[in-house]
Amino acid sequence: MADKFSAIIYPTKDLEKAKALFTTLLGEPPAQDTPYYVGWTIDGQNIGLNPHGFEQGMTGPIPYVDVVDIKARFDALVSAGASVLQEPTDVGGGTQIATLKDADGNTIGLRGAPSA
């Protein structure tokens, strides 16, 4: 079974305005609402707002692929020619994210679930 894109994170400069817009777009309030992340889960798809995204180098939305072993997949992508933007980093509760760029400059996001 192939991994799937299950999260799309948007950088935002004005979290309250973006939250209002996405609440209108998605037709429901966010499931997570914190000063550092606002997120919805719609039919298994996570959609999030990152108020620090631009500071972290995001230039637009990043789709994240859920992977079983984030370190192994990260290393494999680097070996295949991807450039490192962010090493696997814990973002809370044991969930890790990492970002890389492909040869054309497109951002690739990886998301690893907490270890069991």
PDB file of N, CA and C in Angstrom:
ATOM      1  N   MET A   1       0.841  -1.186   0.000  1.00  0.00           N
ATOM      2  CA  MET A   1       0.000   0.000   0.000  1.00  0.00           C
ATOM      3  C   MET A   1       0.884   1.246   0.000  1.00  0.00           C
ATOM      4  N   ALA A   2       0.594   2.189  -0.840  1.00  0.00           N
ATOM      5  CA  ALA A   2       1.365   3.428  -0.935  1.00  0.00           C
ATOM      6  C   ALA A   2       1.019   4.349   0.229  1.00  0.00           C
ATOM      7  N   ASP A   3       2.007   5.142   0.610  1.00  0.00           N
ATOM      8  CA  ASP A   3       1.745   6.180   1.601  1.00  0.00           C
ATOM      9  C   ASP A   3       0.822   7.206   0.966  1.00  0.00           C
ATOM     10  N   LYS A   4       0.193   8.021   1.804  1.00  0.00           N
ATOM     11  CA  LYS A   4      -0.752   8.983   1.262  1.00  0.00           C
ATOM     12  C   LYS A   4      -0.471  10.375   1.801  1.00  0.00           C
ATOM     13  N   PHE A   5      -0.855  11.360   1.002  1.00  0.00           N
ATOM     14  CA  PHE A   5      -0.822  12.734   1.471  1.00  0.00           C
ATOM     15  C   PHE A   5      -2.038  12.904   2.371  1.00  0.00           C
ATOM     16  N   SER A   6      -1.789  13.192   3.634  1.00  0.00           N
ATOM     17  CA  SER A   6      -2.938  13.319   4.522  1.00  0.00           C
ATOM     18  C   SER A   6      -2.948  14.636   5.280  1.00  0.00           C
ATOM     19  N   ALA A   7      -1.976  15.496   5.021  1.00  0.00           N
ATOM     20  CA  ALA A   7      -1.966  16.808   5.670  1.00  0.00           C
ATOM     21  C   ALA A   7      -1.471  17.854   4.688  1.00  0.00           C
ATOM     22  N   ILE A   8      -2.135  18.975   4.688  1.00  0.00           N
ATOM     23  CA  ILE A   8      -1.695  20.135   3.924  1.00  0.00           C
ATOM     24  C   ILE A   8      -1.638  21.294   4.908  1.00  0.00           C
ATOM     25  N   ILE A   9      -0.444  21.890   5.025  1.00  0.00           N
ATOM     26  CA  ILE A   9      -0.249  22.972   5.980  1.00  0.00           C
ATOM     27  C   ILE A   9       0.016  24.268   5.216  1.00  0.00           C
ATOM     28  N   TYR A  10      -0.736  25.301   5.573  1.00  0.00           N
ATOM     29  CA  TYR A  10      -0.618  26.612   4.964  1.00  0.00           C
ATOM     30  C   TYR A  10       0.082  27.567   5.930  1.00  0.00           C
ATOM     31  N   PRO A  11       1.094  28.308   5.462  1.00  0.00           N
ATOM     32  CA  PRO A  11       1.661  29.348   6.309  1.00  0.00           C
ATOM     33  C   PRO A  11       0.700  30.531   6.329  1.00  0.00           C
ATOM     34  N   THR A  12       0.654  31.243   7.436  1.00  0.00           N
ATOM     35  CA  THR A  12      -0.223  32.403   7.509  1.00  0.00           C
ATOM     36  C   THR A  12       0.420  33.496   8.351  1.00  0.00           C
ATOM     37  N   LYS A  13       0.171  34.725   7.973  1.00  0.00           N
ATOM     38  CA  LYS A  13       0.685  35.874   8.727  1.00  0.00           C
ATOM     39  C   LYS A  13      -0.346  36.372   9.725  1.00  0.00           C
ATOM     40  N   ASP A  14      -1.625  36.178   9.440  1.00  0.00           N
ATOM     41  CA  ASP A  14      -2.693  36.620  10.330  1.00  0.00           C
ATOM     42  C   ASP A  14      -3.568  35.410  10.648  1.00  0.00           C
ATOM     43  N   LEU A  15      -3.273  34.759  11.776  1.00  0.00           N
ATOM     44  CA  LEU A  15      -3.938  33.503  12.118  1.00  0.00           C
ATOM     45  C   LEU A  15      -5.445  33.672  12.264  1.00  0.00           C
ATOM     46  N   GLU A  16      -5.894  34.744  12.876  1.00  0.00           N
ATOM     47  CA  GLU A  16      -7.337  34.938  13.090  1.00  0.00           C
ATOM     48  C   GLU A  16      -8.083  35.115  11.772  1.00  0.00           C
ATOM     49  N   LYS A  17      -7.534  35.885  10.864  1.00  0.00           N
ATOM     50  CA  LYS A  17      -8.186  36.068   9.551  1.00  0.00           C
ATOM     51  C   LYS A  17      -8.189  34.759   8.769  1.00  0.00           C
ATOM     52  N   ALA A  18      -7.053  34.062   8.791  1.00  0.00           N
ATOM     53  CA  ALA A  18      -6.978  32.780   8.069  1.00  0.00           C
ATOM     54  C   ALA A  18      -7.934  31.764   8.681  1.00  0.00           C
ATOM     55  N   LYS A  19      -8.034  31.740  10.000  1.00  0.00           N
ATOM     56  CA  LYS A  19      -8.940  30.807  10.671  1.00  0.00           C
ATOM     57  C   LYS A  19     -10.386  31.088  10.265  1.00  0.00           C
ATOM     58  N   ALA A  20     -10.767  32.358  10.214  1.00  0.00           N
ATOM     59  CA  ALA A  20     -12.129  32.711   9.798  1.00  0.00           C
ATOM     60  C   ALA A  20     -12.388  32.279   8.359  1.00  0.00           C
ATOM     61  N   LEU A  21     -11.417  32.517   7.479  1.00  0.00           N
ATOM     62  CA  LEU A  21     -11.580  32.154   6.079  1.00  0.00           C
ATOM     63  C   LEU A  21     -11.702  30.641   5.920  1.00  0.00           C
ATOM     64  N   PHE A  22     -10.813  29.871   6.548  1.00  0.00           N
ATOM     65  CA  PHE A  22     -10.857  28.422   6.396  1.00  0.00           C
ATOM     66  C   PHE A  22     -12.078  27.810   7.087  1.00  0.00           C
ATOM     67  N   THR A  23     -12.548  28.426   8.168  1.00  0.00           N
ATOM     68  CA  THR A  23     -13.783  27.958   8.806  1.00  0.00           C
ATOM     69  C   THR A  23     -14.948  28.120   7.832  1.00  0.00           C
ATOM     70  N   THR A  24     -14.978  29.240   7.128  1.00  0.00           N
ATOM     71  CA  THR A  24     -16.010  29.463   6.113  1.00  0.00           C
ATOM     72  C   THR A  24     -15.844  28.482   4.962  1.00  0.00           C
ATOM     73  N   LEU A  25     -14.616  28.317   4.483  1.00  0.00           N
ATOM     74  CA  LEU A  25     -14.349  27.403   3.373  1.00  0.00           C
ATOM     75  C   LEU A  25     -14.746  25.969   3.709  1.00  0.00           C
ATOM     76  N   LEU A  26     -14.362  25.498   4.888  1.00  0.00           N
ATOM     77  CA  LEU A  26     -14.560  24.096   5.258  1.00  0.00           C
ATOM     78  C   LEU A  26     -15.902  23.825   5.938  1.00  0.00           C
ATOM     79  N   GLY A  27     -16.598  24.884   6.328  1.00  0.00           N
ATOM     80  CA  GLY A  27     -17.947  24.728   6.872  1.00  0.00           C
ATOM     81  C   GLY A  27     -18.025  24.232   8.299  1.00  0.00           C
ATOM     82  N   GLU A  28     -16.917  24.290   9.026  1.00  0.00           N
ATOM     83  CA  GLU A  28     -16.932  23.891  10.427  1.00  0.00           C
ATOM     84  C   GLU A  28     -15.745  24.517  11.151  1.00  0.00           C
ATOM     85  N   PRO A  29     -15.852  24.658  12.471  1.00  0.00           N
ATOM     86  CA  PRO A  29     -14.739  25.234  13.234  1.00  0.00           C
ATOM     87  C   PRO A  29     -13.567  24.255  13.296  1.00  0.00           C
ATOM     88  N   PRO A  30     -12.379  24.760  13.585  1.00  0.00           N
ATOM     89  CA  PRO A  30     -11.210  23.883  13.656  1.00  0.00           C
ATOM     90  C   PRO A  30     -11.299  22.895  14.821  1.00  0.00           C
ATOM     91  N   ALA A  31     -10.704  21.720  14.617  1.00  0.00           N
ATOM     92  CA  ALA A  31     -10.633  20.712  15.678  1.00  0.00           C
ATOM     93  C   ALA A  31      -9.503  21.046  16.646  1.00  0.00           C
ATOM     94  N   GLN A  32      -8.450  21.683  16.139  1.00  0.00           N
ATOM     95  CA  GLN A  32      -7.336  22.143  16.964  1.00  0.00           C
ATOM     96  C   GLN A  32      -7.248  23.647  16.801  1.00  0.00           C
ATOM     97  N   ASP A  33      -7.140  24.358  17.913  1.00  0.00           N
ATOM     98  CA  ASP A  33      -7.100  25.812  17.851  1.00  0.00           C
ATOM     99  C   ASP A  33      -6.142  26.324  18.925  1.00  0.00           C
ATOM    100  N   THR A  34      -4.872  26.465  18.543  1.00  0.00           N
ATOM    101  CA  THR A  34      -3.859  26.943  19.475  1.00  0.00           C
ATOM    102  C   THR A  34      -3.136  28.126  18.826  1.00  0.00           C
ATOM    103  N   PRO A  35      -2.379  28.884  19.607  1.00  0.00           N
ATOM    104  CA  PRO A  35      -1.648  30.010  19.022  1.00  0.00           C
ATOM    105  C   PRO A  35      -0.572  29.594  18.015  1.00  0.00           C
ATOM    106  N   TYR A  36      -0.127  28.338  18.060  1.00  0.00           N
ATOM    107  CA  TYR A  36       0.943  27.896  17.165  1.00  0.00           C
ATOM    108  C   TYR A  36       0.455  26.988  16.042  1.00  0.00           C
ATOM    109  N   TYR A  37      -0.819  26.580  16.057  1.00  0.00           N
ATOM    110  CA  TYR A  37      -1.360  25.719  14.997  1.00  0.00           C
ATOM    111  C   TYR A  37      -2.874  25.679  15.104  1.00  0.00           C
ATOM    112  N   VAL A  38      -3.529  25.813  13.953  1.00  0.00           N
ATOM    113  CA  VAL A  38      -4.984  25.657  13.872  1.00  0.00           C
ATOM    114  C   VAL A  38      -5.227  24.613  12.799  1.00  0.00           C
ATOM    115  N   GLY A  39      -6.056  23.603  13.124  1.00  0.00           N
ATOM    116  CA  GLY A  39      -6.237  22.538  12.151  1.00  0.00           C
ATOM    117  C   GLY A  39      -7.622  21.926  12.132  1.00  0.00           C
ATOM    118  N   TRP A  40      -7.969  21.419  10.965  1.00  0.00           N
ATOM    119  CA  TRP A  40      -9.224  20.720  10.708  1.00  0.00           C
ATOM    120  C   TRP A  40      -8.904  19.324  10.215  1.00  0.00           C
ATOM    121  N   THR A  41      -9.821  18.387  10.451  1.00  0.00           N
ATOM    122  CA  THR A  41      -9.743  17.069   9.832  1.00  0.00           C
ATOM    123  C   THR A  41     -11.062  16.855   9.104  1.00  0.00           C
ATOM    124  N   ILE A  42     -10.982  16.812   7.785  1.00  0.00           N
ATOM    125  CA  ILE A  42     -12.161  16.671   6.933  1.00  0.00           C
ATOM    126  C   ILE A  42     -12.005  15.368   6.152  1.00  0.00           C
ATOM    127  N   ASP A  43     -12.850  14.397   6.438  1.00  0.00           N
ATOM    128  CA  ASP A  43     -12.802  13.094   5.750  1.00  0.00           C
ATOM    129  C   ASP A  43     -11.391  12.495   5.741  1.00  0.00           C
ATOM    130  N   GLY A  44     -10.715  12.578   6.869  1.00  0.00           N
ATOM    131  CA  GLY A  44      -9.386  12.001   6.997  1.00  0.00           C
ATOM    132  C   GLY A  44      -8.258  12.876   6.495  1.00  0.00           C
ATOM    133  N   GLN A  45      -8.588  14.000   5.894  1.00  0.00           N
ATOM    134  CA  GLN A  45      -7.576  14.947   5.386  1.00  0.00           C
ATOM    135  C   GLN A  45      -7.357  16.035   6.433  1.00  0.00           C
ATOM    136  N   ASN A  46      -6.115  16.212   6.868  1.00  0.00           N
ATOM    137  CA  ASN A  46      -5.780  17.274   7.812  1.00  0.00           C
ATOM    138  C   ASN A  46      -5.401  18.526   7.043  1.00  0.00           C
ATOM    139  N   ILE A  47      -5.998  19.642   7.446  1.00  0.00           N
ATOM    140  CA  ILE A  47      -5.706  20.935   6.843  1.00  0.00           C
ATOM    141  C   ILE A  47      -5.330  21.859   7.988  1.00  0.00           C
ATOM    142  N   GLY A  48      -4.143  22.443   7.907  1.00  0.00           N
ATOM    143  CA  GLY A  48      -3.663  23.234   9.023  1.00  0.00           C
ATOM    144  C   GLY A  48      -3.141  24.592   8.637  1.00  0.00           C
ATOM    145  N   LEU A  49      -3.101  25.471   9.625  1.00  0.00           N
ATOM    146  CA  LEU A  49      -2.553  26.809   9.483  1.00  0.00           C
ATOM    147  C   LEU A  49      -1.373  26.952  10.434  1.00  0.00           C
ATOM    148  N   ASN A  50      -0.242  27.401   9.909  1.00  0.00           N
ATOM    149  CA  ASN A  50       0.958  27.576  10.716  1.00  0.00           C
ATOM    150  C   ASN A  50       1.302  29.063  10.746  1.00  0.00           C
ATOM    151  N   PRO A  51       1.086  29.740  11.899  1.00  0.00           N
ATOM    152  CA  PRO A  51       1.369  31.168  11.961  1.00  0.00           C
ATOM    153  C   PRO A  51       2.861  31.506  11.945  1.00  0.00           C
ATOM    154  N   HIS A  52       3.712  30.501  12.056  1.00  0.00           N
ATOM    155  CA  HIS A  52       5.160  30.721  12.006  1.00  0.00           C
ATOM    156  C   HIS A  52       5.763  30.165  10.716  1.00  0.00           C
ATOM    157  N   GLY A  53       4.912  29.742   9.797  1.00  0.00           N
ATOM    158  CA  GLY A  53       5.370  29.099   8.575  1.00  0.00           C
ATOM    159  C   GLY A  53       6.309  29.951   7.736  1.00  0.00           C
ATOM    160  N   PHE A  54       5.975  31.211   7.553  1.00  0.00           N
ATOM    161  CA  PHE A  54       6.840  32.055   6.733  1.00  0.00           C
ATOM    162  C   PHE A  54       8.199  32.242   7.410  1.00  0.00           C
ATOM    163  N   GLU A  55       8.199  32.391   8.738  1.00  0.00           N
ATOM    164  CA  GLU A  55       9.457  32.503   9.490  1.00  0.00           C
ATOM    165  C   GLU A  55      10.296  31.233   9.347  1.00  0.00           C
ATOM    166  N   GLN A  56       9.625  30.092   9.163  1.00  0.00           N
ATOM    167  CA  GLN A  56      10.305  28.806   9.032  1.00  0.00           C
ATOM    168  C   GLN A  56      10.696  28.503   7.586  1.00  0.00           C
ATOM    169  N   GLY A  57      10.472  29.453   6.691  1.00  0.00           N
ATOM    170  CA  GLY A  57      10.882  29.281   5.305  1.00  0.00           C
ATOM    171  C   GLY A  57       9.805  28.769   4.364  1.00  0.00           C
ATOM    172  N   MET A  58       8.569  28.573   4.859  1.00  0.00           N
ATOM    173  CA  MET A  58       7.495  28.147   3.971  1.00  0.00           C
ATOM    174  C   MET A  58       7.166  29.281   3.005  1.00  0.00           C
ATOM    175  N   THR A  59       6.946  28.946   1.744  1.00  0.00           N
ATOM    176  CA  THR A  59       6.568  29.945   0.752  1.00  0.00           C
ATOM    177  C   THR A  59       5.163  29.710   0.224  1.00  0.00           C
ATOM    178  N   GLY A  60       4.531  28.659   0.672  1.00  0.00           N
ATOM    179  CA  GLY A  60       3.180  28.301   0.266  1.00  0.00           C
ATOM    180  C   GLY A  60       2.779  27.032   0.988  1.00  0.00           C
ATOM    181  N   PRO A  61       1.621  26.476   0.657  1.00  0.00           N
ATOM    182  CA  PRO A  61       1.160  25.254   1.326  1.00  0.00           C
ATOM    183  C   PRO A  61       2.123  24.097   1.074  1.00  0.00           C
ATOM    184  N   ILE A  62       2.245  23.240   2.069  1.00  0.00           N
ATOM    185  CA  ILE A  62       3.071  22.036   1.936  1.00  0.00           C
ATOM    186  C   ILE A  62       2.196  20.814   2.196  1.00  0.00           C
ATOM    187  N   PRO A  63       2.124  19.901   1.212  1.00  0.00           N
ATOM    188  CA  PRO A  63       1.450  18.626   1.464  1.00  0.00           C
ATOM    189  C   PRO A  63       2.425  17.684   2.170  1.00  0.00           C
ATOM    190  N   TYR A  64       1.944  16.993   3.176  1.00  0.00           N
ATOM    191  CA  TYR A  64       2.760  16.046   3.937  1.00  0.00           C
ATOM    192  C   TYR A  64       2.299  14.622   3.661  1.00  0.00           C
ATOM    193  N   VAL A  65       3.267  13.732   3.422  1.00  0.00           N
ATOM    194  CA  VAL A  65       3.002  12.311   3.235  1.00  0.00           C
ATOM    195  C   VAL A  65       3.213  11.623   4.575  1.00  0.00           C
ATOM    196  N   ASP A  66       2.247  10.832   5.008  1.00  0.00           N
ATOM    197  CA  ASP A  66       2.412  10.025   6.218  1.00  0.00           C
ATOM    198  C   ASP A  66       3.303   8.836   5.888  1.00  0.00           C
ATOM    199  N   VAL A  67       4.330   8.630   6.694  1.00  0.00           N
ATOM    200  CA  VAL A  67       5.254   7.517   6.502  1.00  0.00           C
ATOM    201  C   VAL A  67       5.432   6.777   7.817  1.00  0.00           C
ATOM    202  N   VAL A  68       5.747   5.496   7.714  1.00  0.00           N
ATOM    203  CA  VAL A  68       5.923   4.667   8.909  1.00  0.00           C
ATOM    204  C   VAL A  68       7.245   4.983   9.597  1.00  0.00           C
ATOM    205  N   ASP A  69       8.316   5.094   8.827  1.00  0.00           N
ATOM    206  CA  ASP A  69       9.651   5.340   9.383  1.00  0.00           C
ATOM    207  C   ASP A  69      10.188   6.622   8.749  1.00  0.00           C
ATOM    208  N   ILE A  70       9.972   7.748   9.433  1.00  0.00           N
ATOM    209  CA  ILE A  70      10.317   9.042   8.856  1.00  0.00           C
ATOM    210  C   ILE A  70      11.823   9.174   8.613  1.00  0.00           C
ATOM    211  N   LYS A  71      12.635   8.682   9.509  1.00  0.00           N
ATOM    212  CA  LYS A  71      14.091   8.796   9.355  1.00  0.00           C
ATOM    213  C   LYS A  71      14.568   8.004   8.132  1.00  0.00           C
ATOM    214  N   ALA A  72      14.065   6.782   7.967  1.00  0.00           N
ATOM    215  CA  ALA A  72      14.466   5.964   6.818  1.00  0.00           C
ATOM    216  C   ALA A  72      14.028   6.620   5.510  1.00  0.00           C
ATOM    217  N   ARG A  73      12.797   7.130   5.453  1.00  0.00           N
ATOM    218  CA  ARG A  73      12.305   7.763   4.220  1.00  0.00           C
ATOM    219  C   ARG A  73      13.064   9.051   3.944  1.00  0.00           C
ATOM    220  N   PHE A  74      13.322   9.829   4.984  1.00  0.00           N
ATOM    221  CA  PHE A  74      14.091  11.060   4.863  1.00  0.00           C
ATOM    222  C   PHE A  74      15.475  10.767   4.280  1.00  0.00           C
ATOM    223  N   ASP A  75      16.173   9.796   4.867  1.00  0.00           N
ATOM    224  CA  ASP A  75      17.507   9.423   4.391  1.00  0.00           C
ATOM    225  C   ASP A  75      17.472   8.924   2.948  1.00  0.00           C
ATOM    226  N   ALA A  76      16.443   8.153   2.604  1.00  0.00           N
ATOM    227  CA  ALA A  76      16.318   7.645   1.234  1.00  0.00           C
ATOM    228  C   ALA A  76      16.120   8.792   0.244  1.00  0.00           C
ATOM    229  N   LEU A  77      15.323   9.785   0.614  1.00  0.00           N
ATOM    230  CA  LEU A  77      15.102  10.931  -0.274  1.00  0.00           C
ATOM    231  C   LEU A  77      16.372  11.761  -0.442  1.00  0.00           C
ATOM    232  N   VAL A  78      17.125  11.931   0.642  1.00  0.00           N
ATOM    233  CA  VAL A  78      18.399  12.647   0.546  1.00  0.00           C
ATOM    234  C   VAL A  78      19.346  11.886  -0.383  1.00  0.00           C
ATOM    235  N   SER A  79      19.395  10.570  -0.227  1.00  0.00           N
ATOM    236  CA  SER A  79      20.245   9.745  -1.104  1.00  0.00           C
ATOM    237  C   SER A  79      19.808   9.842  -2.563  1.00  0.00           C
ATOM    238  N   ALA A  80      18.509  10.068  -2.787  1.00  0.00           N
ATOM    239  CA  ALA A  80      17.974  10.175  -4.146  1.00  0.00           C
ATOM    240  C   ALA A  80      18.142  11.580  -4.727  1.00  0.00           C
ATOM    241  N   GLY A  81      18.723  12.499  -3.944  1.00  0.00           N
ATOM    242  CA  GLY A  81      19.004  13.828  -4.461  1.00  0.00           C
ATOM    243  C   GLY A  81      18.223  14.975  -3.859  1.00  0.00           C
ATOM    244  N   ALA A  82      17.351  14.715  -2.895  1.00  0.00           N
ATOM    245  CA  ALA A  82      16.587  15.797  -2.266  1.00  0.00           C
ATOM    246  C   ALA A  82      17.500  16.645  -1.381  1.00  0.00           C
ATOM    247  N   SER A  83      17.198  17.923  -1.293  1.00  0.00           N
ATOM    248  CA  SER A  83      17.918  18.845  -0.413  1.00  0.00           C
ATOM    249  C   SER A  83      17.157  18.990   0.892  1.00  0.00           C
ATOM    250  N   VAL A  84      17.881  19.024   1.987  1.00  0.00           N
ATOM    251  CA  VAL A  84      17.273  19.110   3.314  1.00  0.00           C
ATOM    252  C   VAL A  84      16.841  20.543   3.623  1.00  0.00           C
ATOM    253  N   LEU A  85      15.595  20.698   4.025  1.00  0.00           N
ATOM    254  CA  LEU A  85      15.103  21.962   4.561  1.00  0.00           C
ATOM    255  C   LEU A  85      14.986  21.868   6.079  1.00  0.00           C
ATOM    256  N   GLN A  86      14.379  20.776   6.557  1.00  0.00           N
ATOM    257  CA  GLN A  86      14.207  20.568   7.995  1.00  0.00           C
ATOM    258  C   GLN A  86      14.358  19.084   8.295  1.00  0.00           C
ATOM    259  N   GLU A  87      15.288  18.752   9.155  1.00  0.00           N
ATOM    260  CA  GLU A  87      15.476  17.378   9.624  1.00  0.00           C
ATOM    261  C   GLU A  87      14.206  16.931  10.352  1.00  0.00           C
ATOM    262  N   PRO A  88      13.975  15.626  10.501  1.00  0.00           N
ATOM    263  CA  PRO A  88      12.822  15.180  11.291  1.00  0.00           C
ATOM    264  C   PRO A  88      12.832  15.836  12.670  1.00  0.00           C
ATOM    265  N   THR A  89      11.710  16.466  13.004  1.00  0.00           N
ATOM    266  CA  THR A  89      11.575  17.246  14.227  1.00  0.00           C
ATOM    267  C   THR A  89      10.269  16.898  14.919  1.00  0.00           C
ATOM    268  N   ASP A  90      10.320  16.684  16.225  1.00  0.00           N
ATOM    269  CA  ASP A  90       9.116  16.406  17.009  1.00  0.00           C
ATOM    270  C   ASP A  90       8.290  17.681  17.102  1.00  0.00           C
ATOM    271  N   VAL A  91       7.017  17.587  16.743  1.00  0.00           N
ATOM    272  CA  VAL A  91       6.125  18.744  16.796  1.00  0.00           C
ATOM    273  C   VAL A  91       5.041  18.573  17.852  1.00  0.00           C
ATOM    274  N   GLY A  92       5.235  17.607  18.733  1.00  0.00           N
ATOM    275  CA  GLY A  92       4.300  17.397  19.826  1.00  0.00           C
ATOM    276  C   GLY A  92       3.692  16.012  19.816  1.00  0.00           C
ATOM    277  N   GLY A  93       3.645  15.409  20.962  1.00  0.00           N
ATOM    278  CA  GLY A  93       3.027  14.100  21.109  1.00  0.00           C
ATOM    279  C   GLY A  93       3.762  12.987  20.394  1.00  0.00           C
ATOM    280  N   GLY A  94       5.018  13.214  20.039  1.00  0.00           N
ATOM    281  CA  GLY A  94       5.792  12.195  19.337  1.00  0.00           C
ATOM    282  C   GLY A  94       5.658  12.231  17.827  1.00  0.00           C
ATOM    283  N   THR A  95       4.760  13.064  17.293  1.00  0.00           N
ATOM    284  CA  THR A  95       4.645  13.212  15.848  1.00  0.00           C
ATOM    285  C   THR A  95       5.849  13.994  15.345  1.00  0.00           C
ATOM    286  N   GLN A  96       6.438  13.528  14.251  1.00  0.00           N
ATOM    287  CA  GLN A  96       7.575  14.212  13.660  1.00  0.00           C
ATOM    288  C   GLN A  96       7.244  14.675  12.249  1.00  0.00           C
ATOM    289  N   ILE A  97       7.825  15.806  11.872  1.00  0.00           N
ATOM    290  CA  ILE A  97       7.721  16.272  10.489  1.00  0.00           C
ATOM    291  C   ILE A  97       9.124  16.576   9.975  1.00  0.00           C
ATOM    292  N   ALA A  98       9.273  16.531   8.666  1.00  0.00           N
ATOM    293  CA  ALA A  98      10.521  16.892   7.998  1.00  0.00           C
ATOM    294  C   ALA A  98      10.155  17.477   6.643  1.00  0.00           C
ATOM    295  N   THR A  99      11.010  18.349   6.118  1.00  0.00           N
ATOM    296  CA  THR A  99      10.781  18.882   4.786  1.00  0.00           C
ATOM    297  C   THR A  99      12.077  18.855   3.984  1.00  0.00           C
ATOM    298  N   LEU A 100      11.898  18.607   2.690  1.00  0.00           N
ATOM    299  CA  LEU A 100      13.005  18.539   1.743  1.00  0.00           C
ATOM    300  C   LEU A 100      12.568  19.247   0.468  1.00  0.00           C
ATOM    301  N   LYS A 101      13.525  19.490  -0.424  1.00  0.00           N
ATOM    302  CA  LYS A 101      13.204  20.043  -1.750  1.00  0.00           C
ATOM    303  C   LYS A 101      13.674  19.067  -2.811  1.00  0.00           C
ATOM    304  N   ASP A 102      12.860  18.922  -3.858  1.00  0.00           N
ATOM    305  CA  ASP A 102      13.272  18.085  -4.987  1.00  0.00           C
ATOM    306  C   ASP A 102      14.168  18.905  -5.914  1.00  0.00           C
ATOM    307  N   ALA A 103      14.614  18.318  -7.007  1.00  0.00           N
ATOM    308  CA  ALA A 103      15.546  18.971  -7.929  1.00  0.00           C
ATOM    309  C   ALA A 103      14.966  20.227  -8.570  1.00  0.00           C
ATOM    310  N   ASP A 104      13.636  20.342  -8.611  1.00  0.00           N
ATOM    311  CA  ASP A 104      12.991  21.507  -9.203  1.00  0.00           C
ATOM    312  C   ASP A 104      12.629  22.573  -8.177  1.00  0.00           C
ATOM    313  N   GLY A 105      12.991  22.344  -6.908  1.00  0.00           N
ATOM    314  CA  GLY A 105      12.709  23.318  -5.857  1.00  0.00           C
ATOM    315  C   GLY A 105      11.364  23.157  -5.184  1.00  0.00           C
ATOM    316  N   ASN A 106      10.629  22.075  -5.499  1.00  0.00           N
ATOM    317  CA  ASN A 106       9.338  21.817  -4.858  1.00  0.00           C
ATOM    318  C   ASN A 106       9.568  21.243  -3.466  1.00  0.00           C
ATOM    319  N   THR A 107       8.752  21.681  -2.508  1.00  0.00           N
ATOM    320  CA  THR A 107       8.882  21.198  -1.137  1.00  0.00           C
ATOM    321  C   THR A 107       8.126  19.891  -0.965  1.00  0.00           C
ATOM    322  N   ILE A 108       8.798  18.949  -0.314  1.00  0.00           N
ATOM    323  CA  ILE A 108       8.226  17.649   0.028  1.00  0.00           C
ATOM    324  C   ILE A 108       8.126  17.586   1.542  1.00  0.00           C
ATOM    325  N   GLY A 109       6.951  17.284   2.063  1.00  0.00           N
ATOM    326  CA  GLY A 109       6.765  17.164   3.507  1.00  0.00           C
ATOM    327  C   GLY A 109       6.570  15.696   3.892  1.00  0.00           C
ATOM    328  N   LEU A 110       7.191  15.310   4.987  1.00  0.00           N
ATOM    329  CA  LEU A 110       7.000  13.973   5.560  1.00  0.00           C
ATOM    330  C   LEU A 110       6.438  14.124   6.954  1.00  0.00           C
ATOM    331  N   ARG A 111       5.544  13.210   7.323  1.00  0.00           N
ATOM    332  CA  ARG A 111       4.976  13.219   8.683  1.00  0.00           C
ATOM    333  C   ARG A 111       5.014  11.806   9.211  1.00  0.00           C
ATOM    334  N   GLY A 112       5.616  11.634  10.376  1.00  0.00           N
ATOM    335  CA  GLY A 112       5.699  10.320  11.009  1.00  0.00           C
ATOM    336  C   GLY A 112       4.913  10.292  12.296  1.00  0.00           C
ATOM    337  N   ALA A 113       4.110   9.258  12.465  1.00  0.00           N
ATOM    338  CA  ALA A 113       3.301   9.105  13.677  1.00  0.00           C
ATOM    339  C   ALA A 113       4.199   8.740  14.853  1.00  0.00           C
ATOM    340  N   PRO A 114       3.730   8.976  16.061  1.00  0.00           N
ATOM    341  CA  PRO A 114       4.500   8.596  17.237  1.00  0.00           C
ATOM    342  C   PRO A 114       4.814   7.097  17.239  1.00  0.00           C
ATOM    343  N   SER A 115       5.972   6.747  17.755  1.00  0.00           N
ATOM    344  CA  SER A 115       6.342   5.339  17.872  1.00  0.00           C
ATOM    345  C   SER A 115       5.452   4.647  18.892  1.00  0.00           C
ATOM    346  N   ALA A 116       5.082   3.409  18.588  1.00  0.00           N
ATOM    347  CA  ALA A 116       4.194   2.668  19.491  1.00  0.00           C
ATOM    348  C   ALA A 116       4.987   2.054  20.619  1.00  0.00           C
TER     349      ALA A 116
END
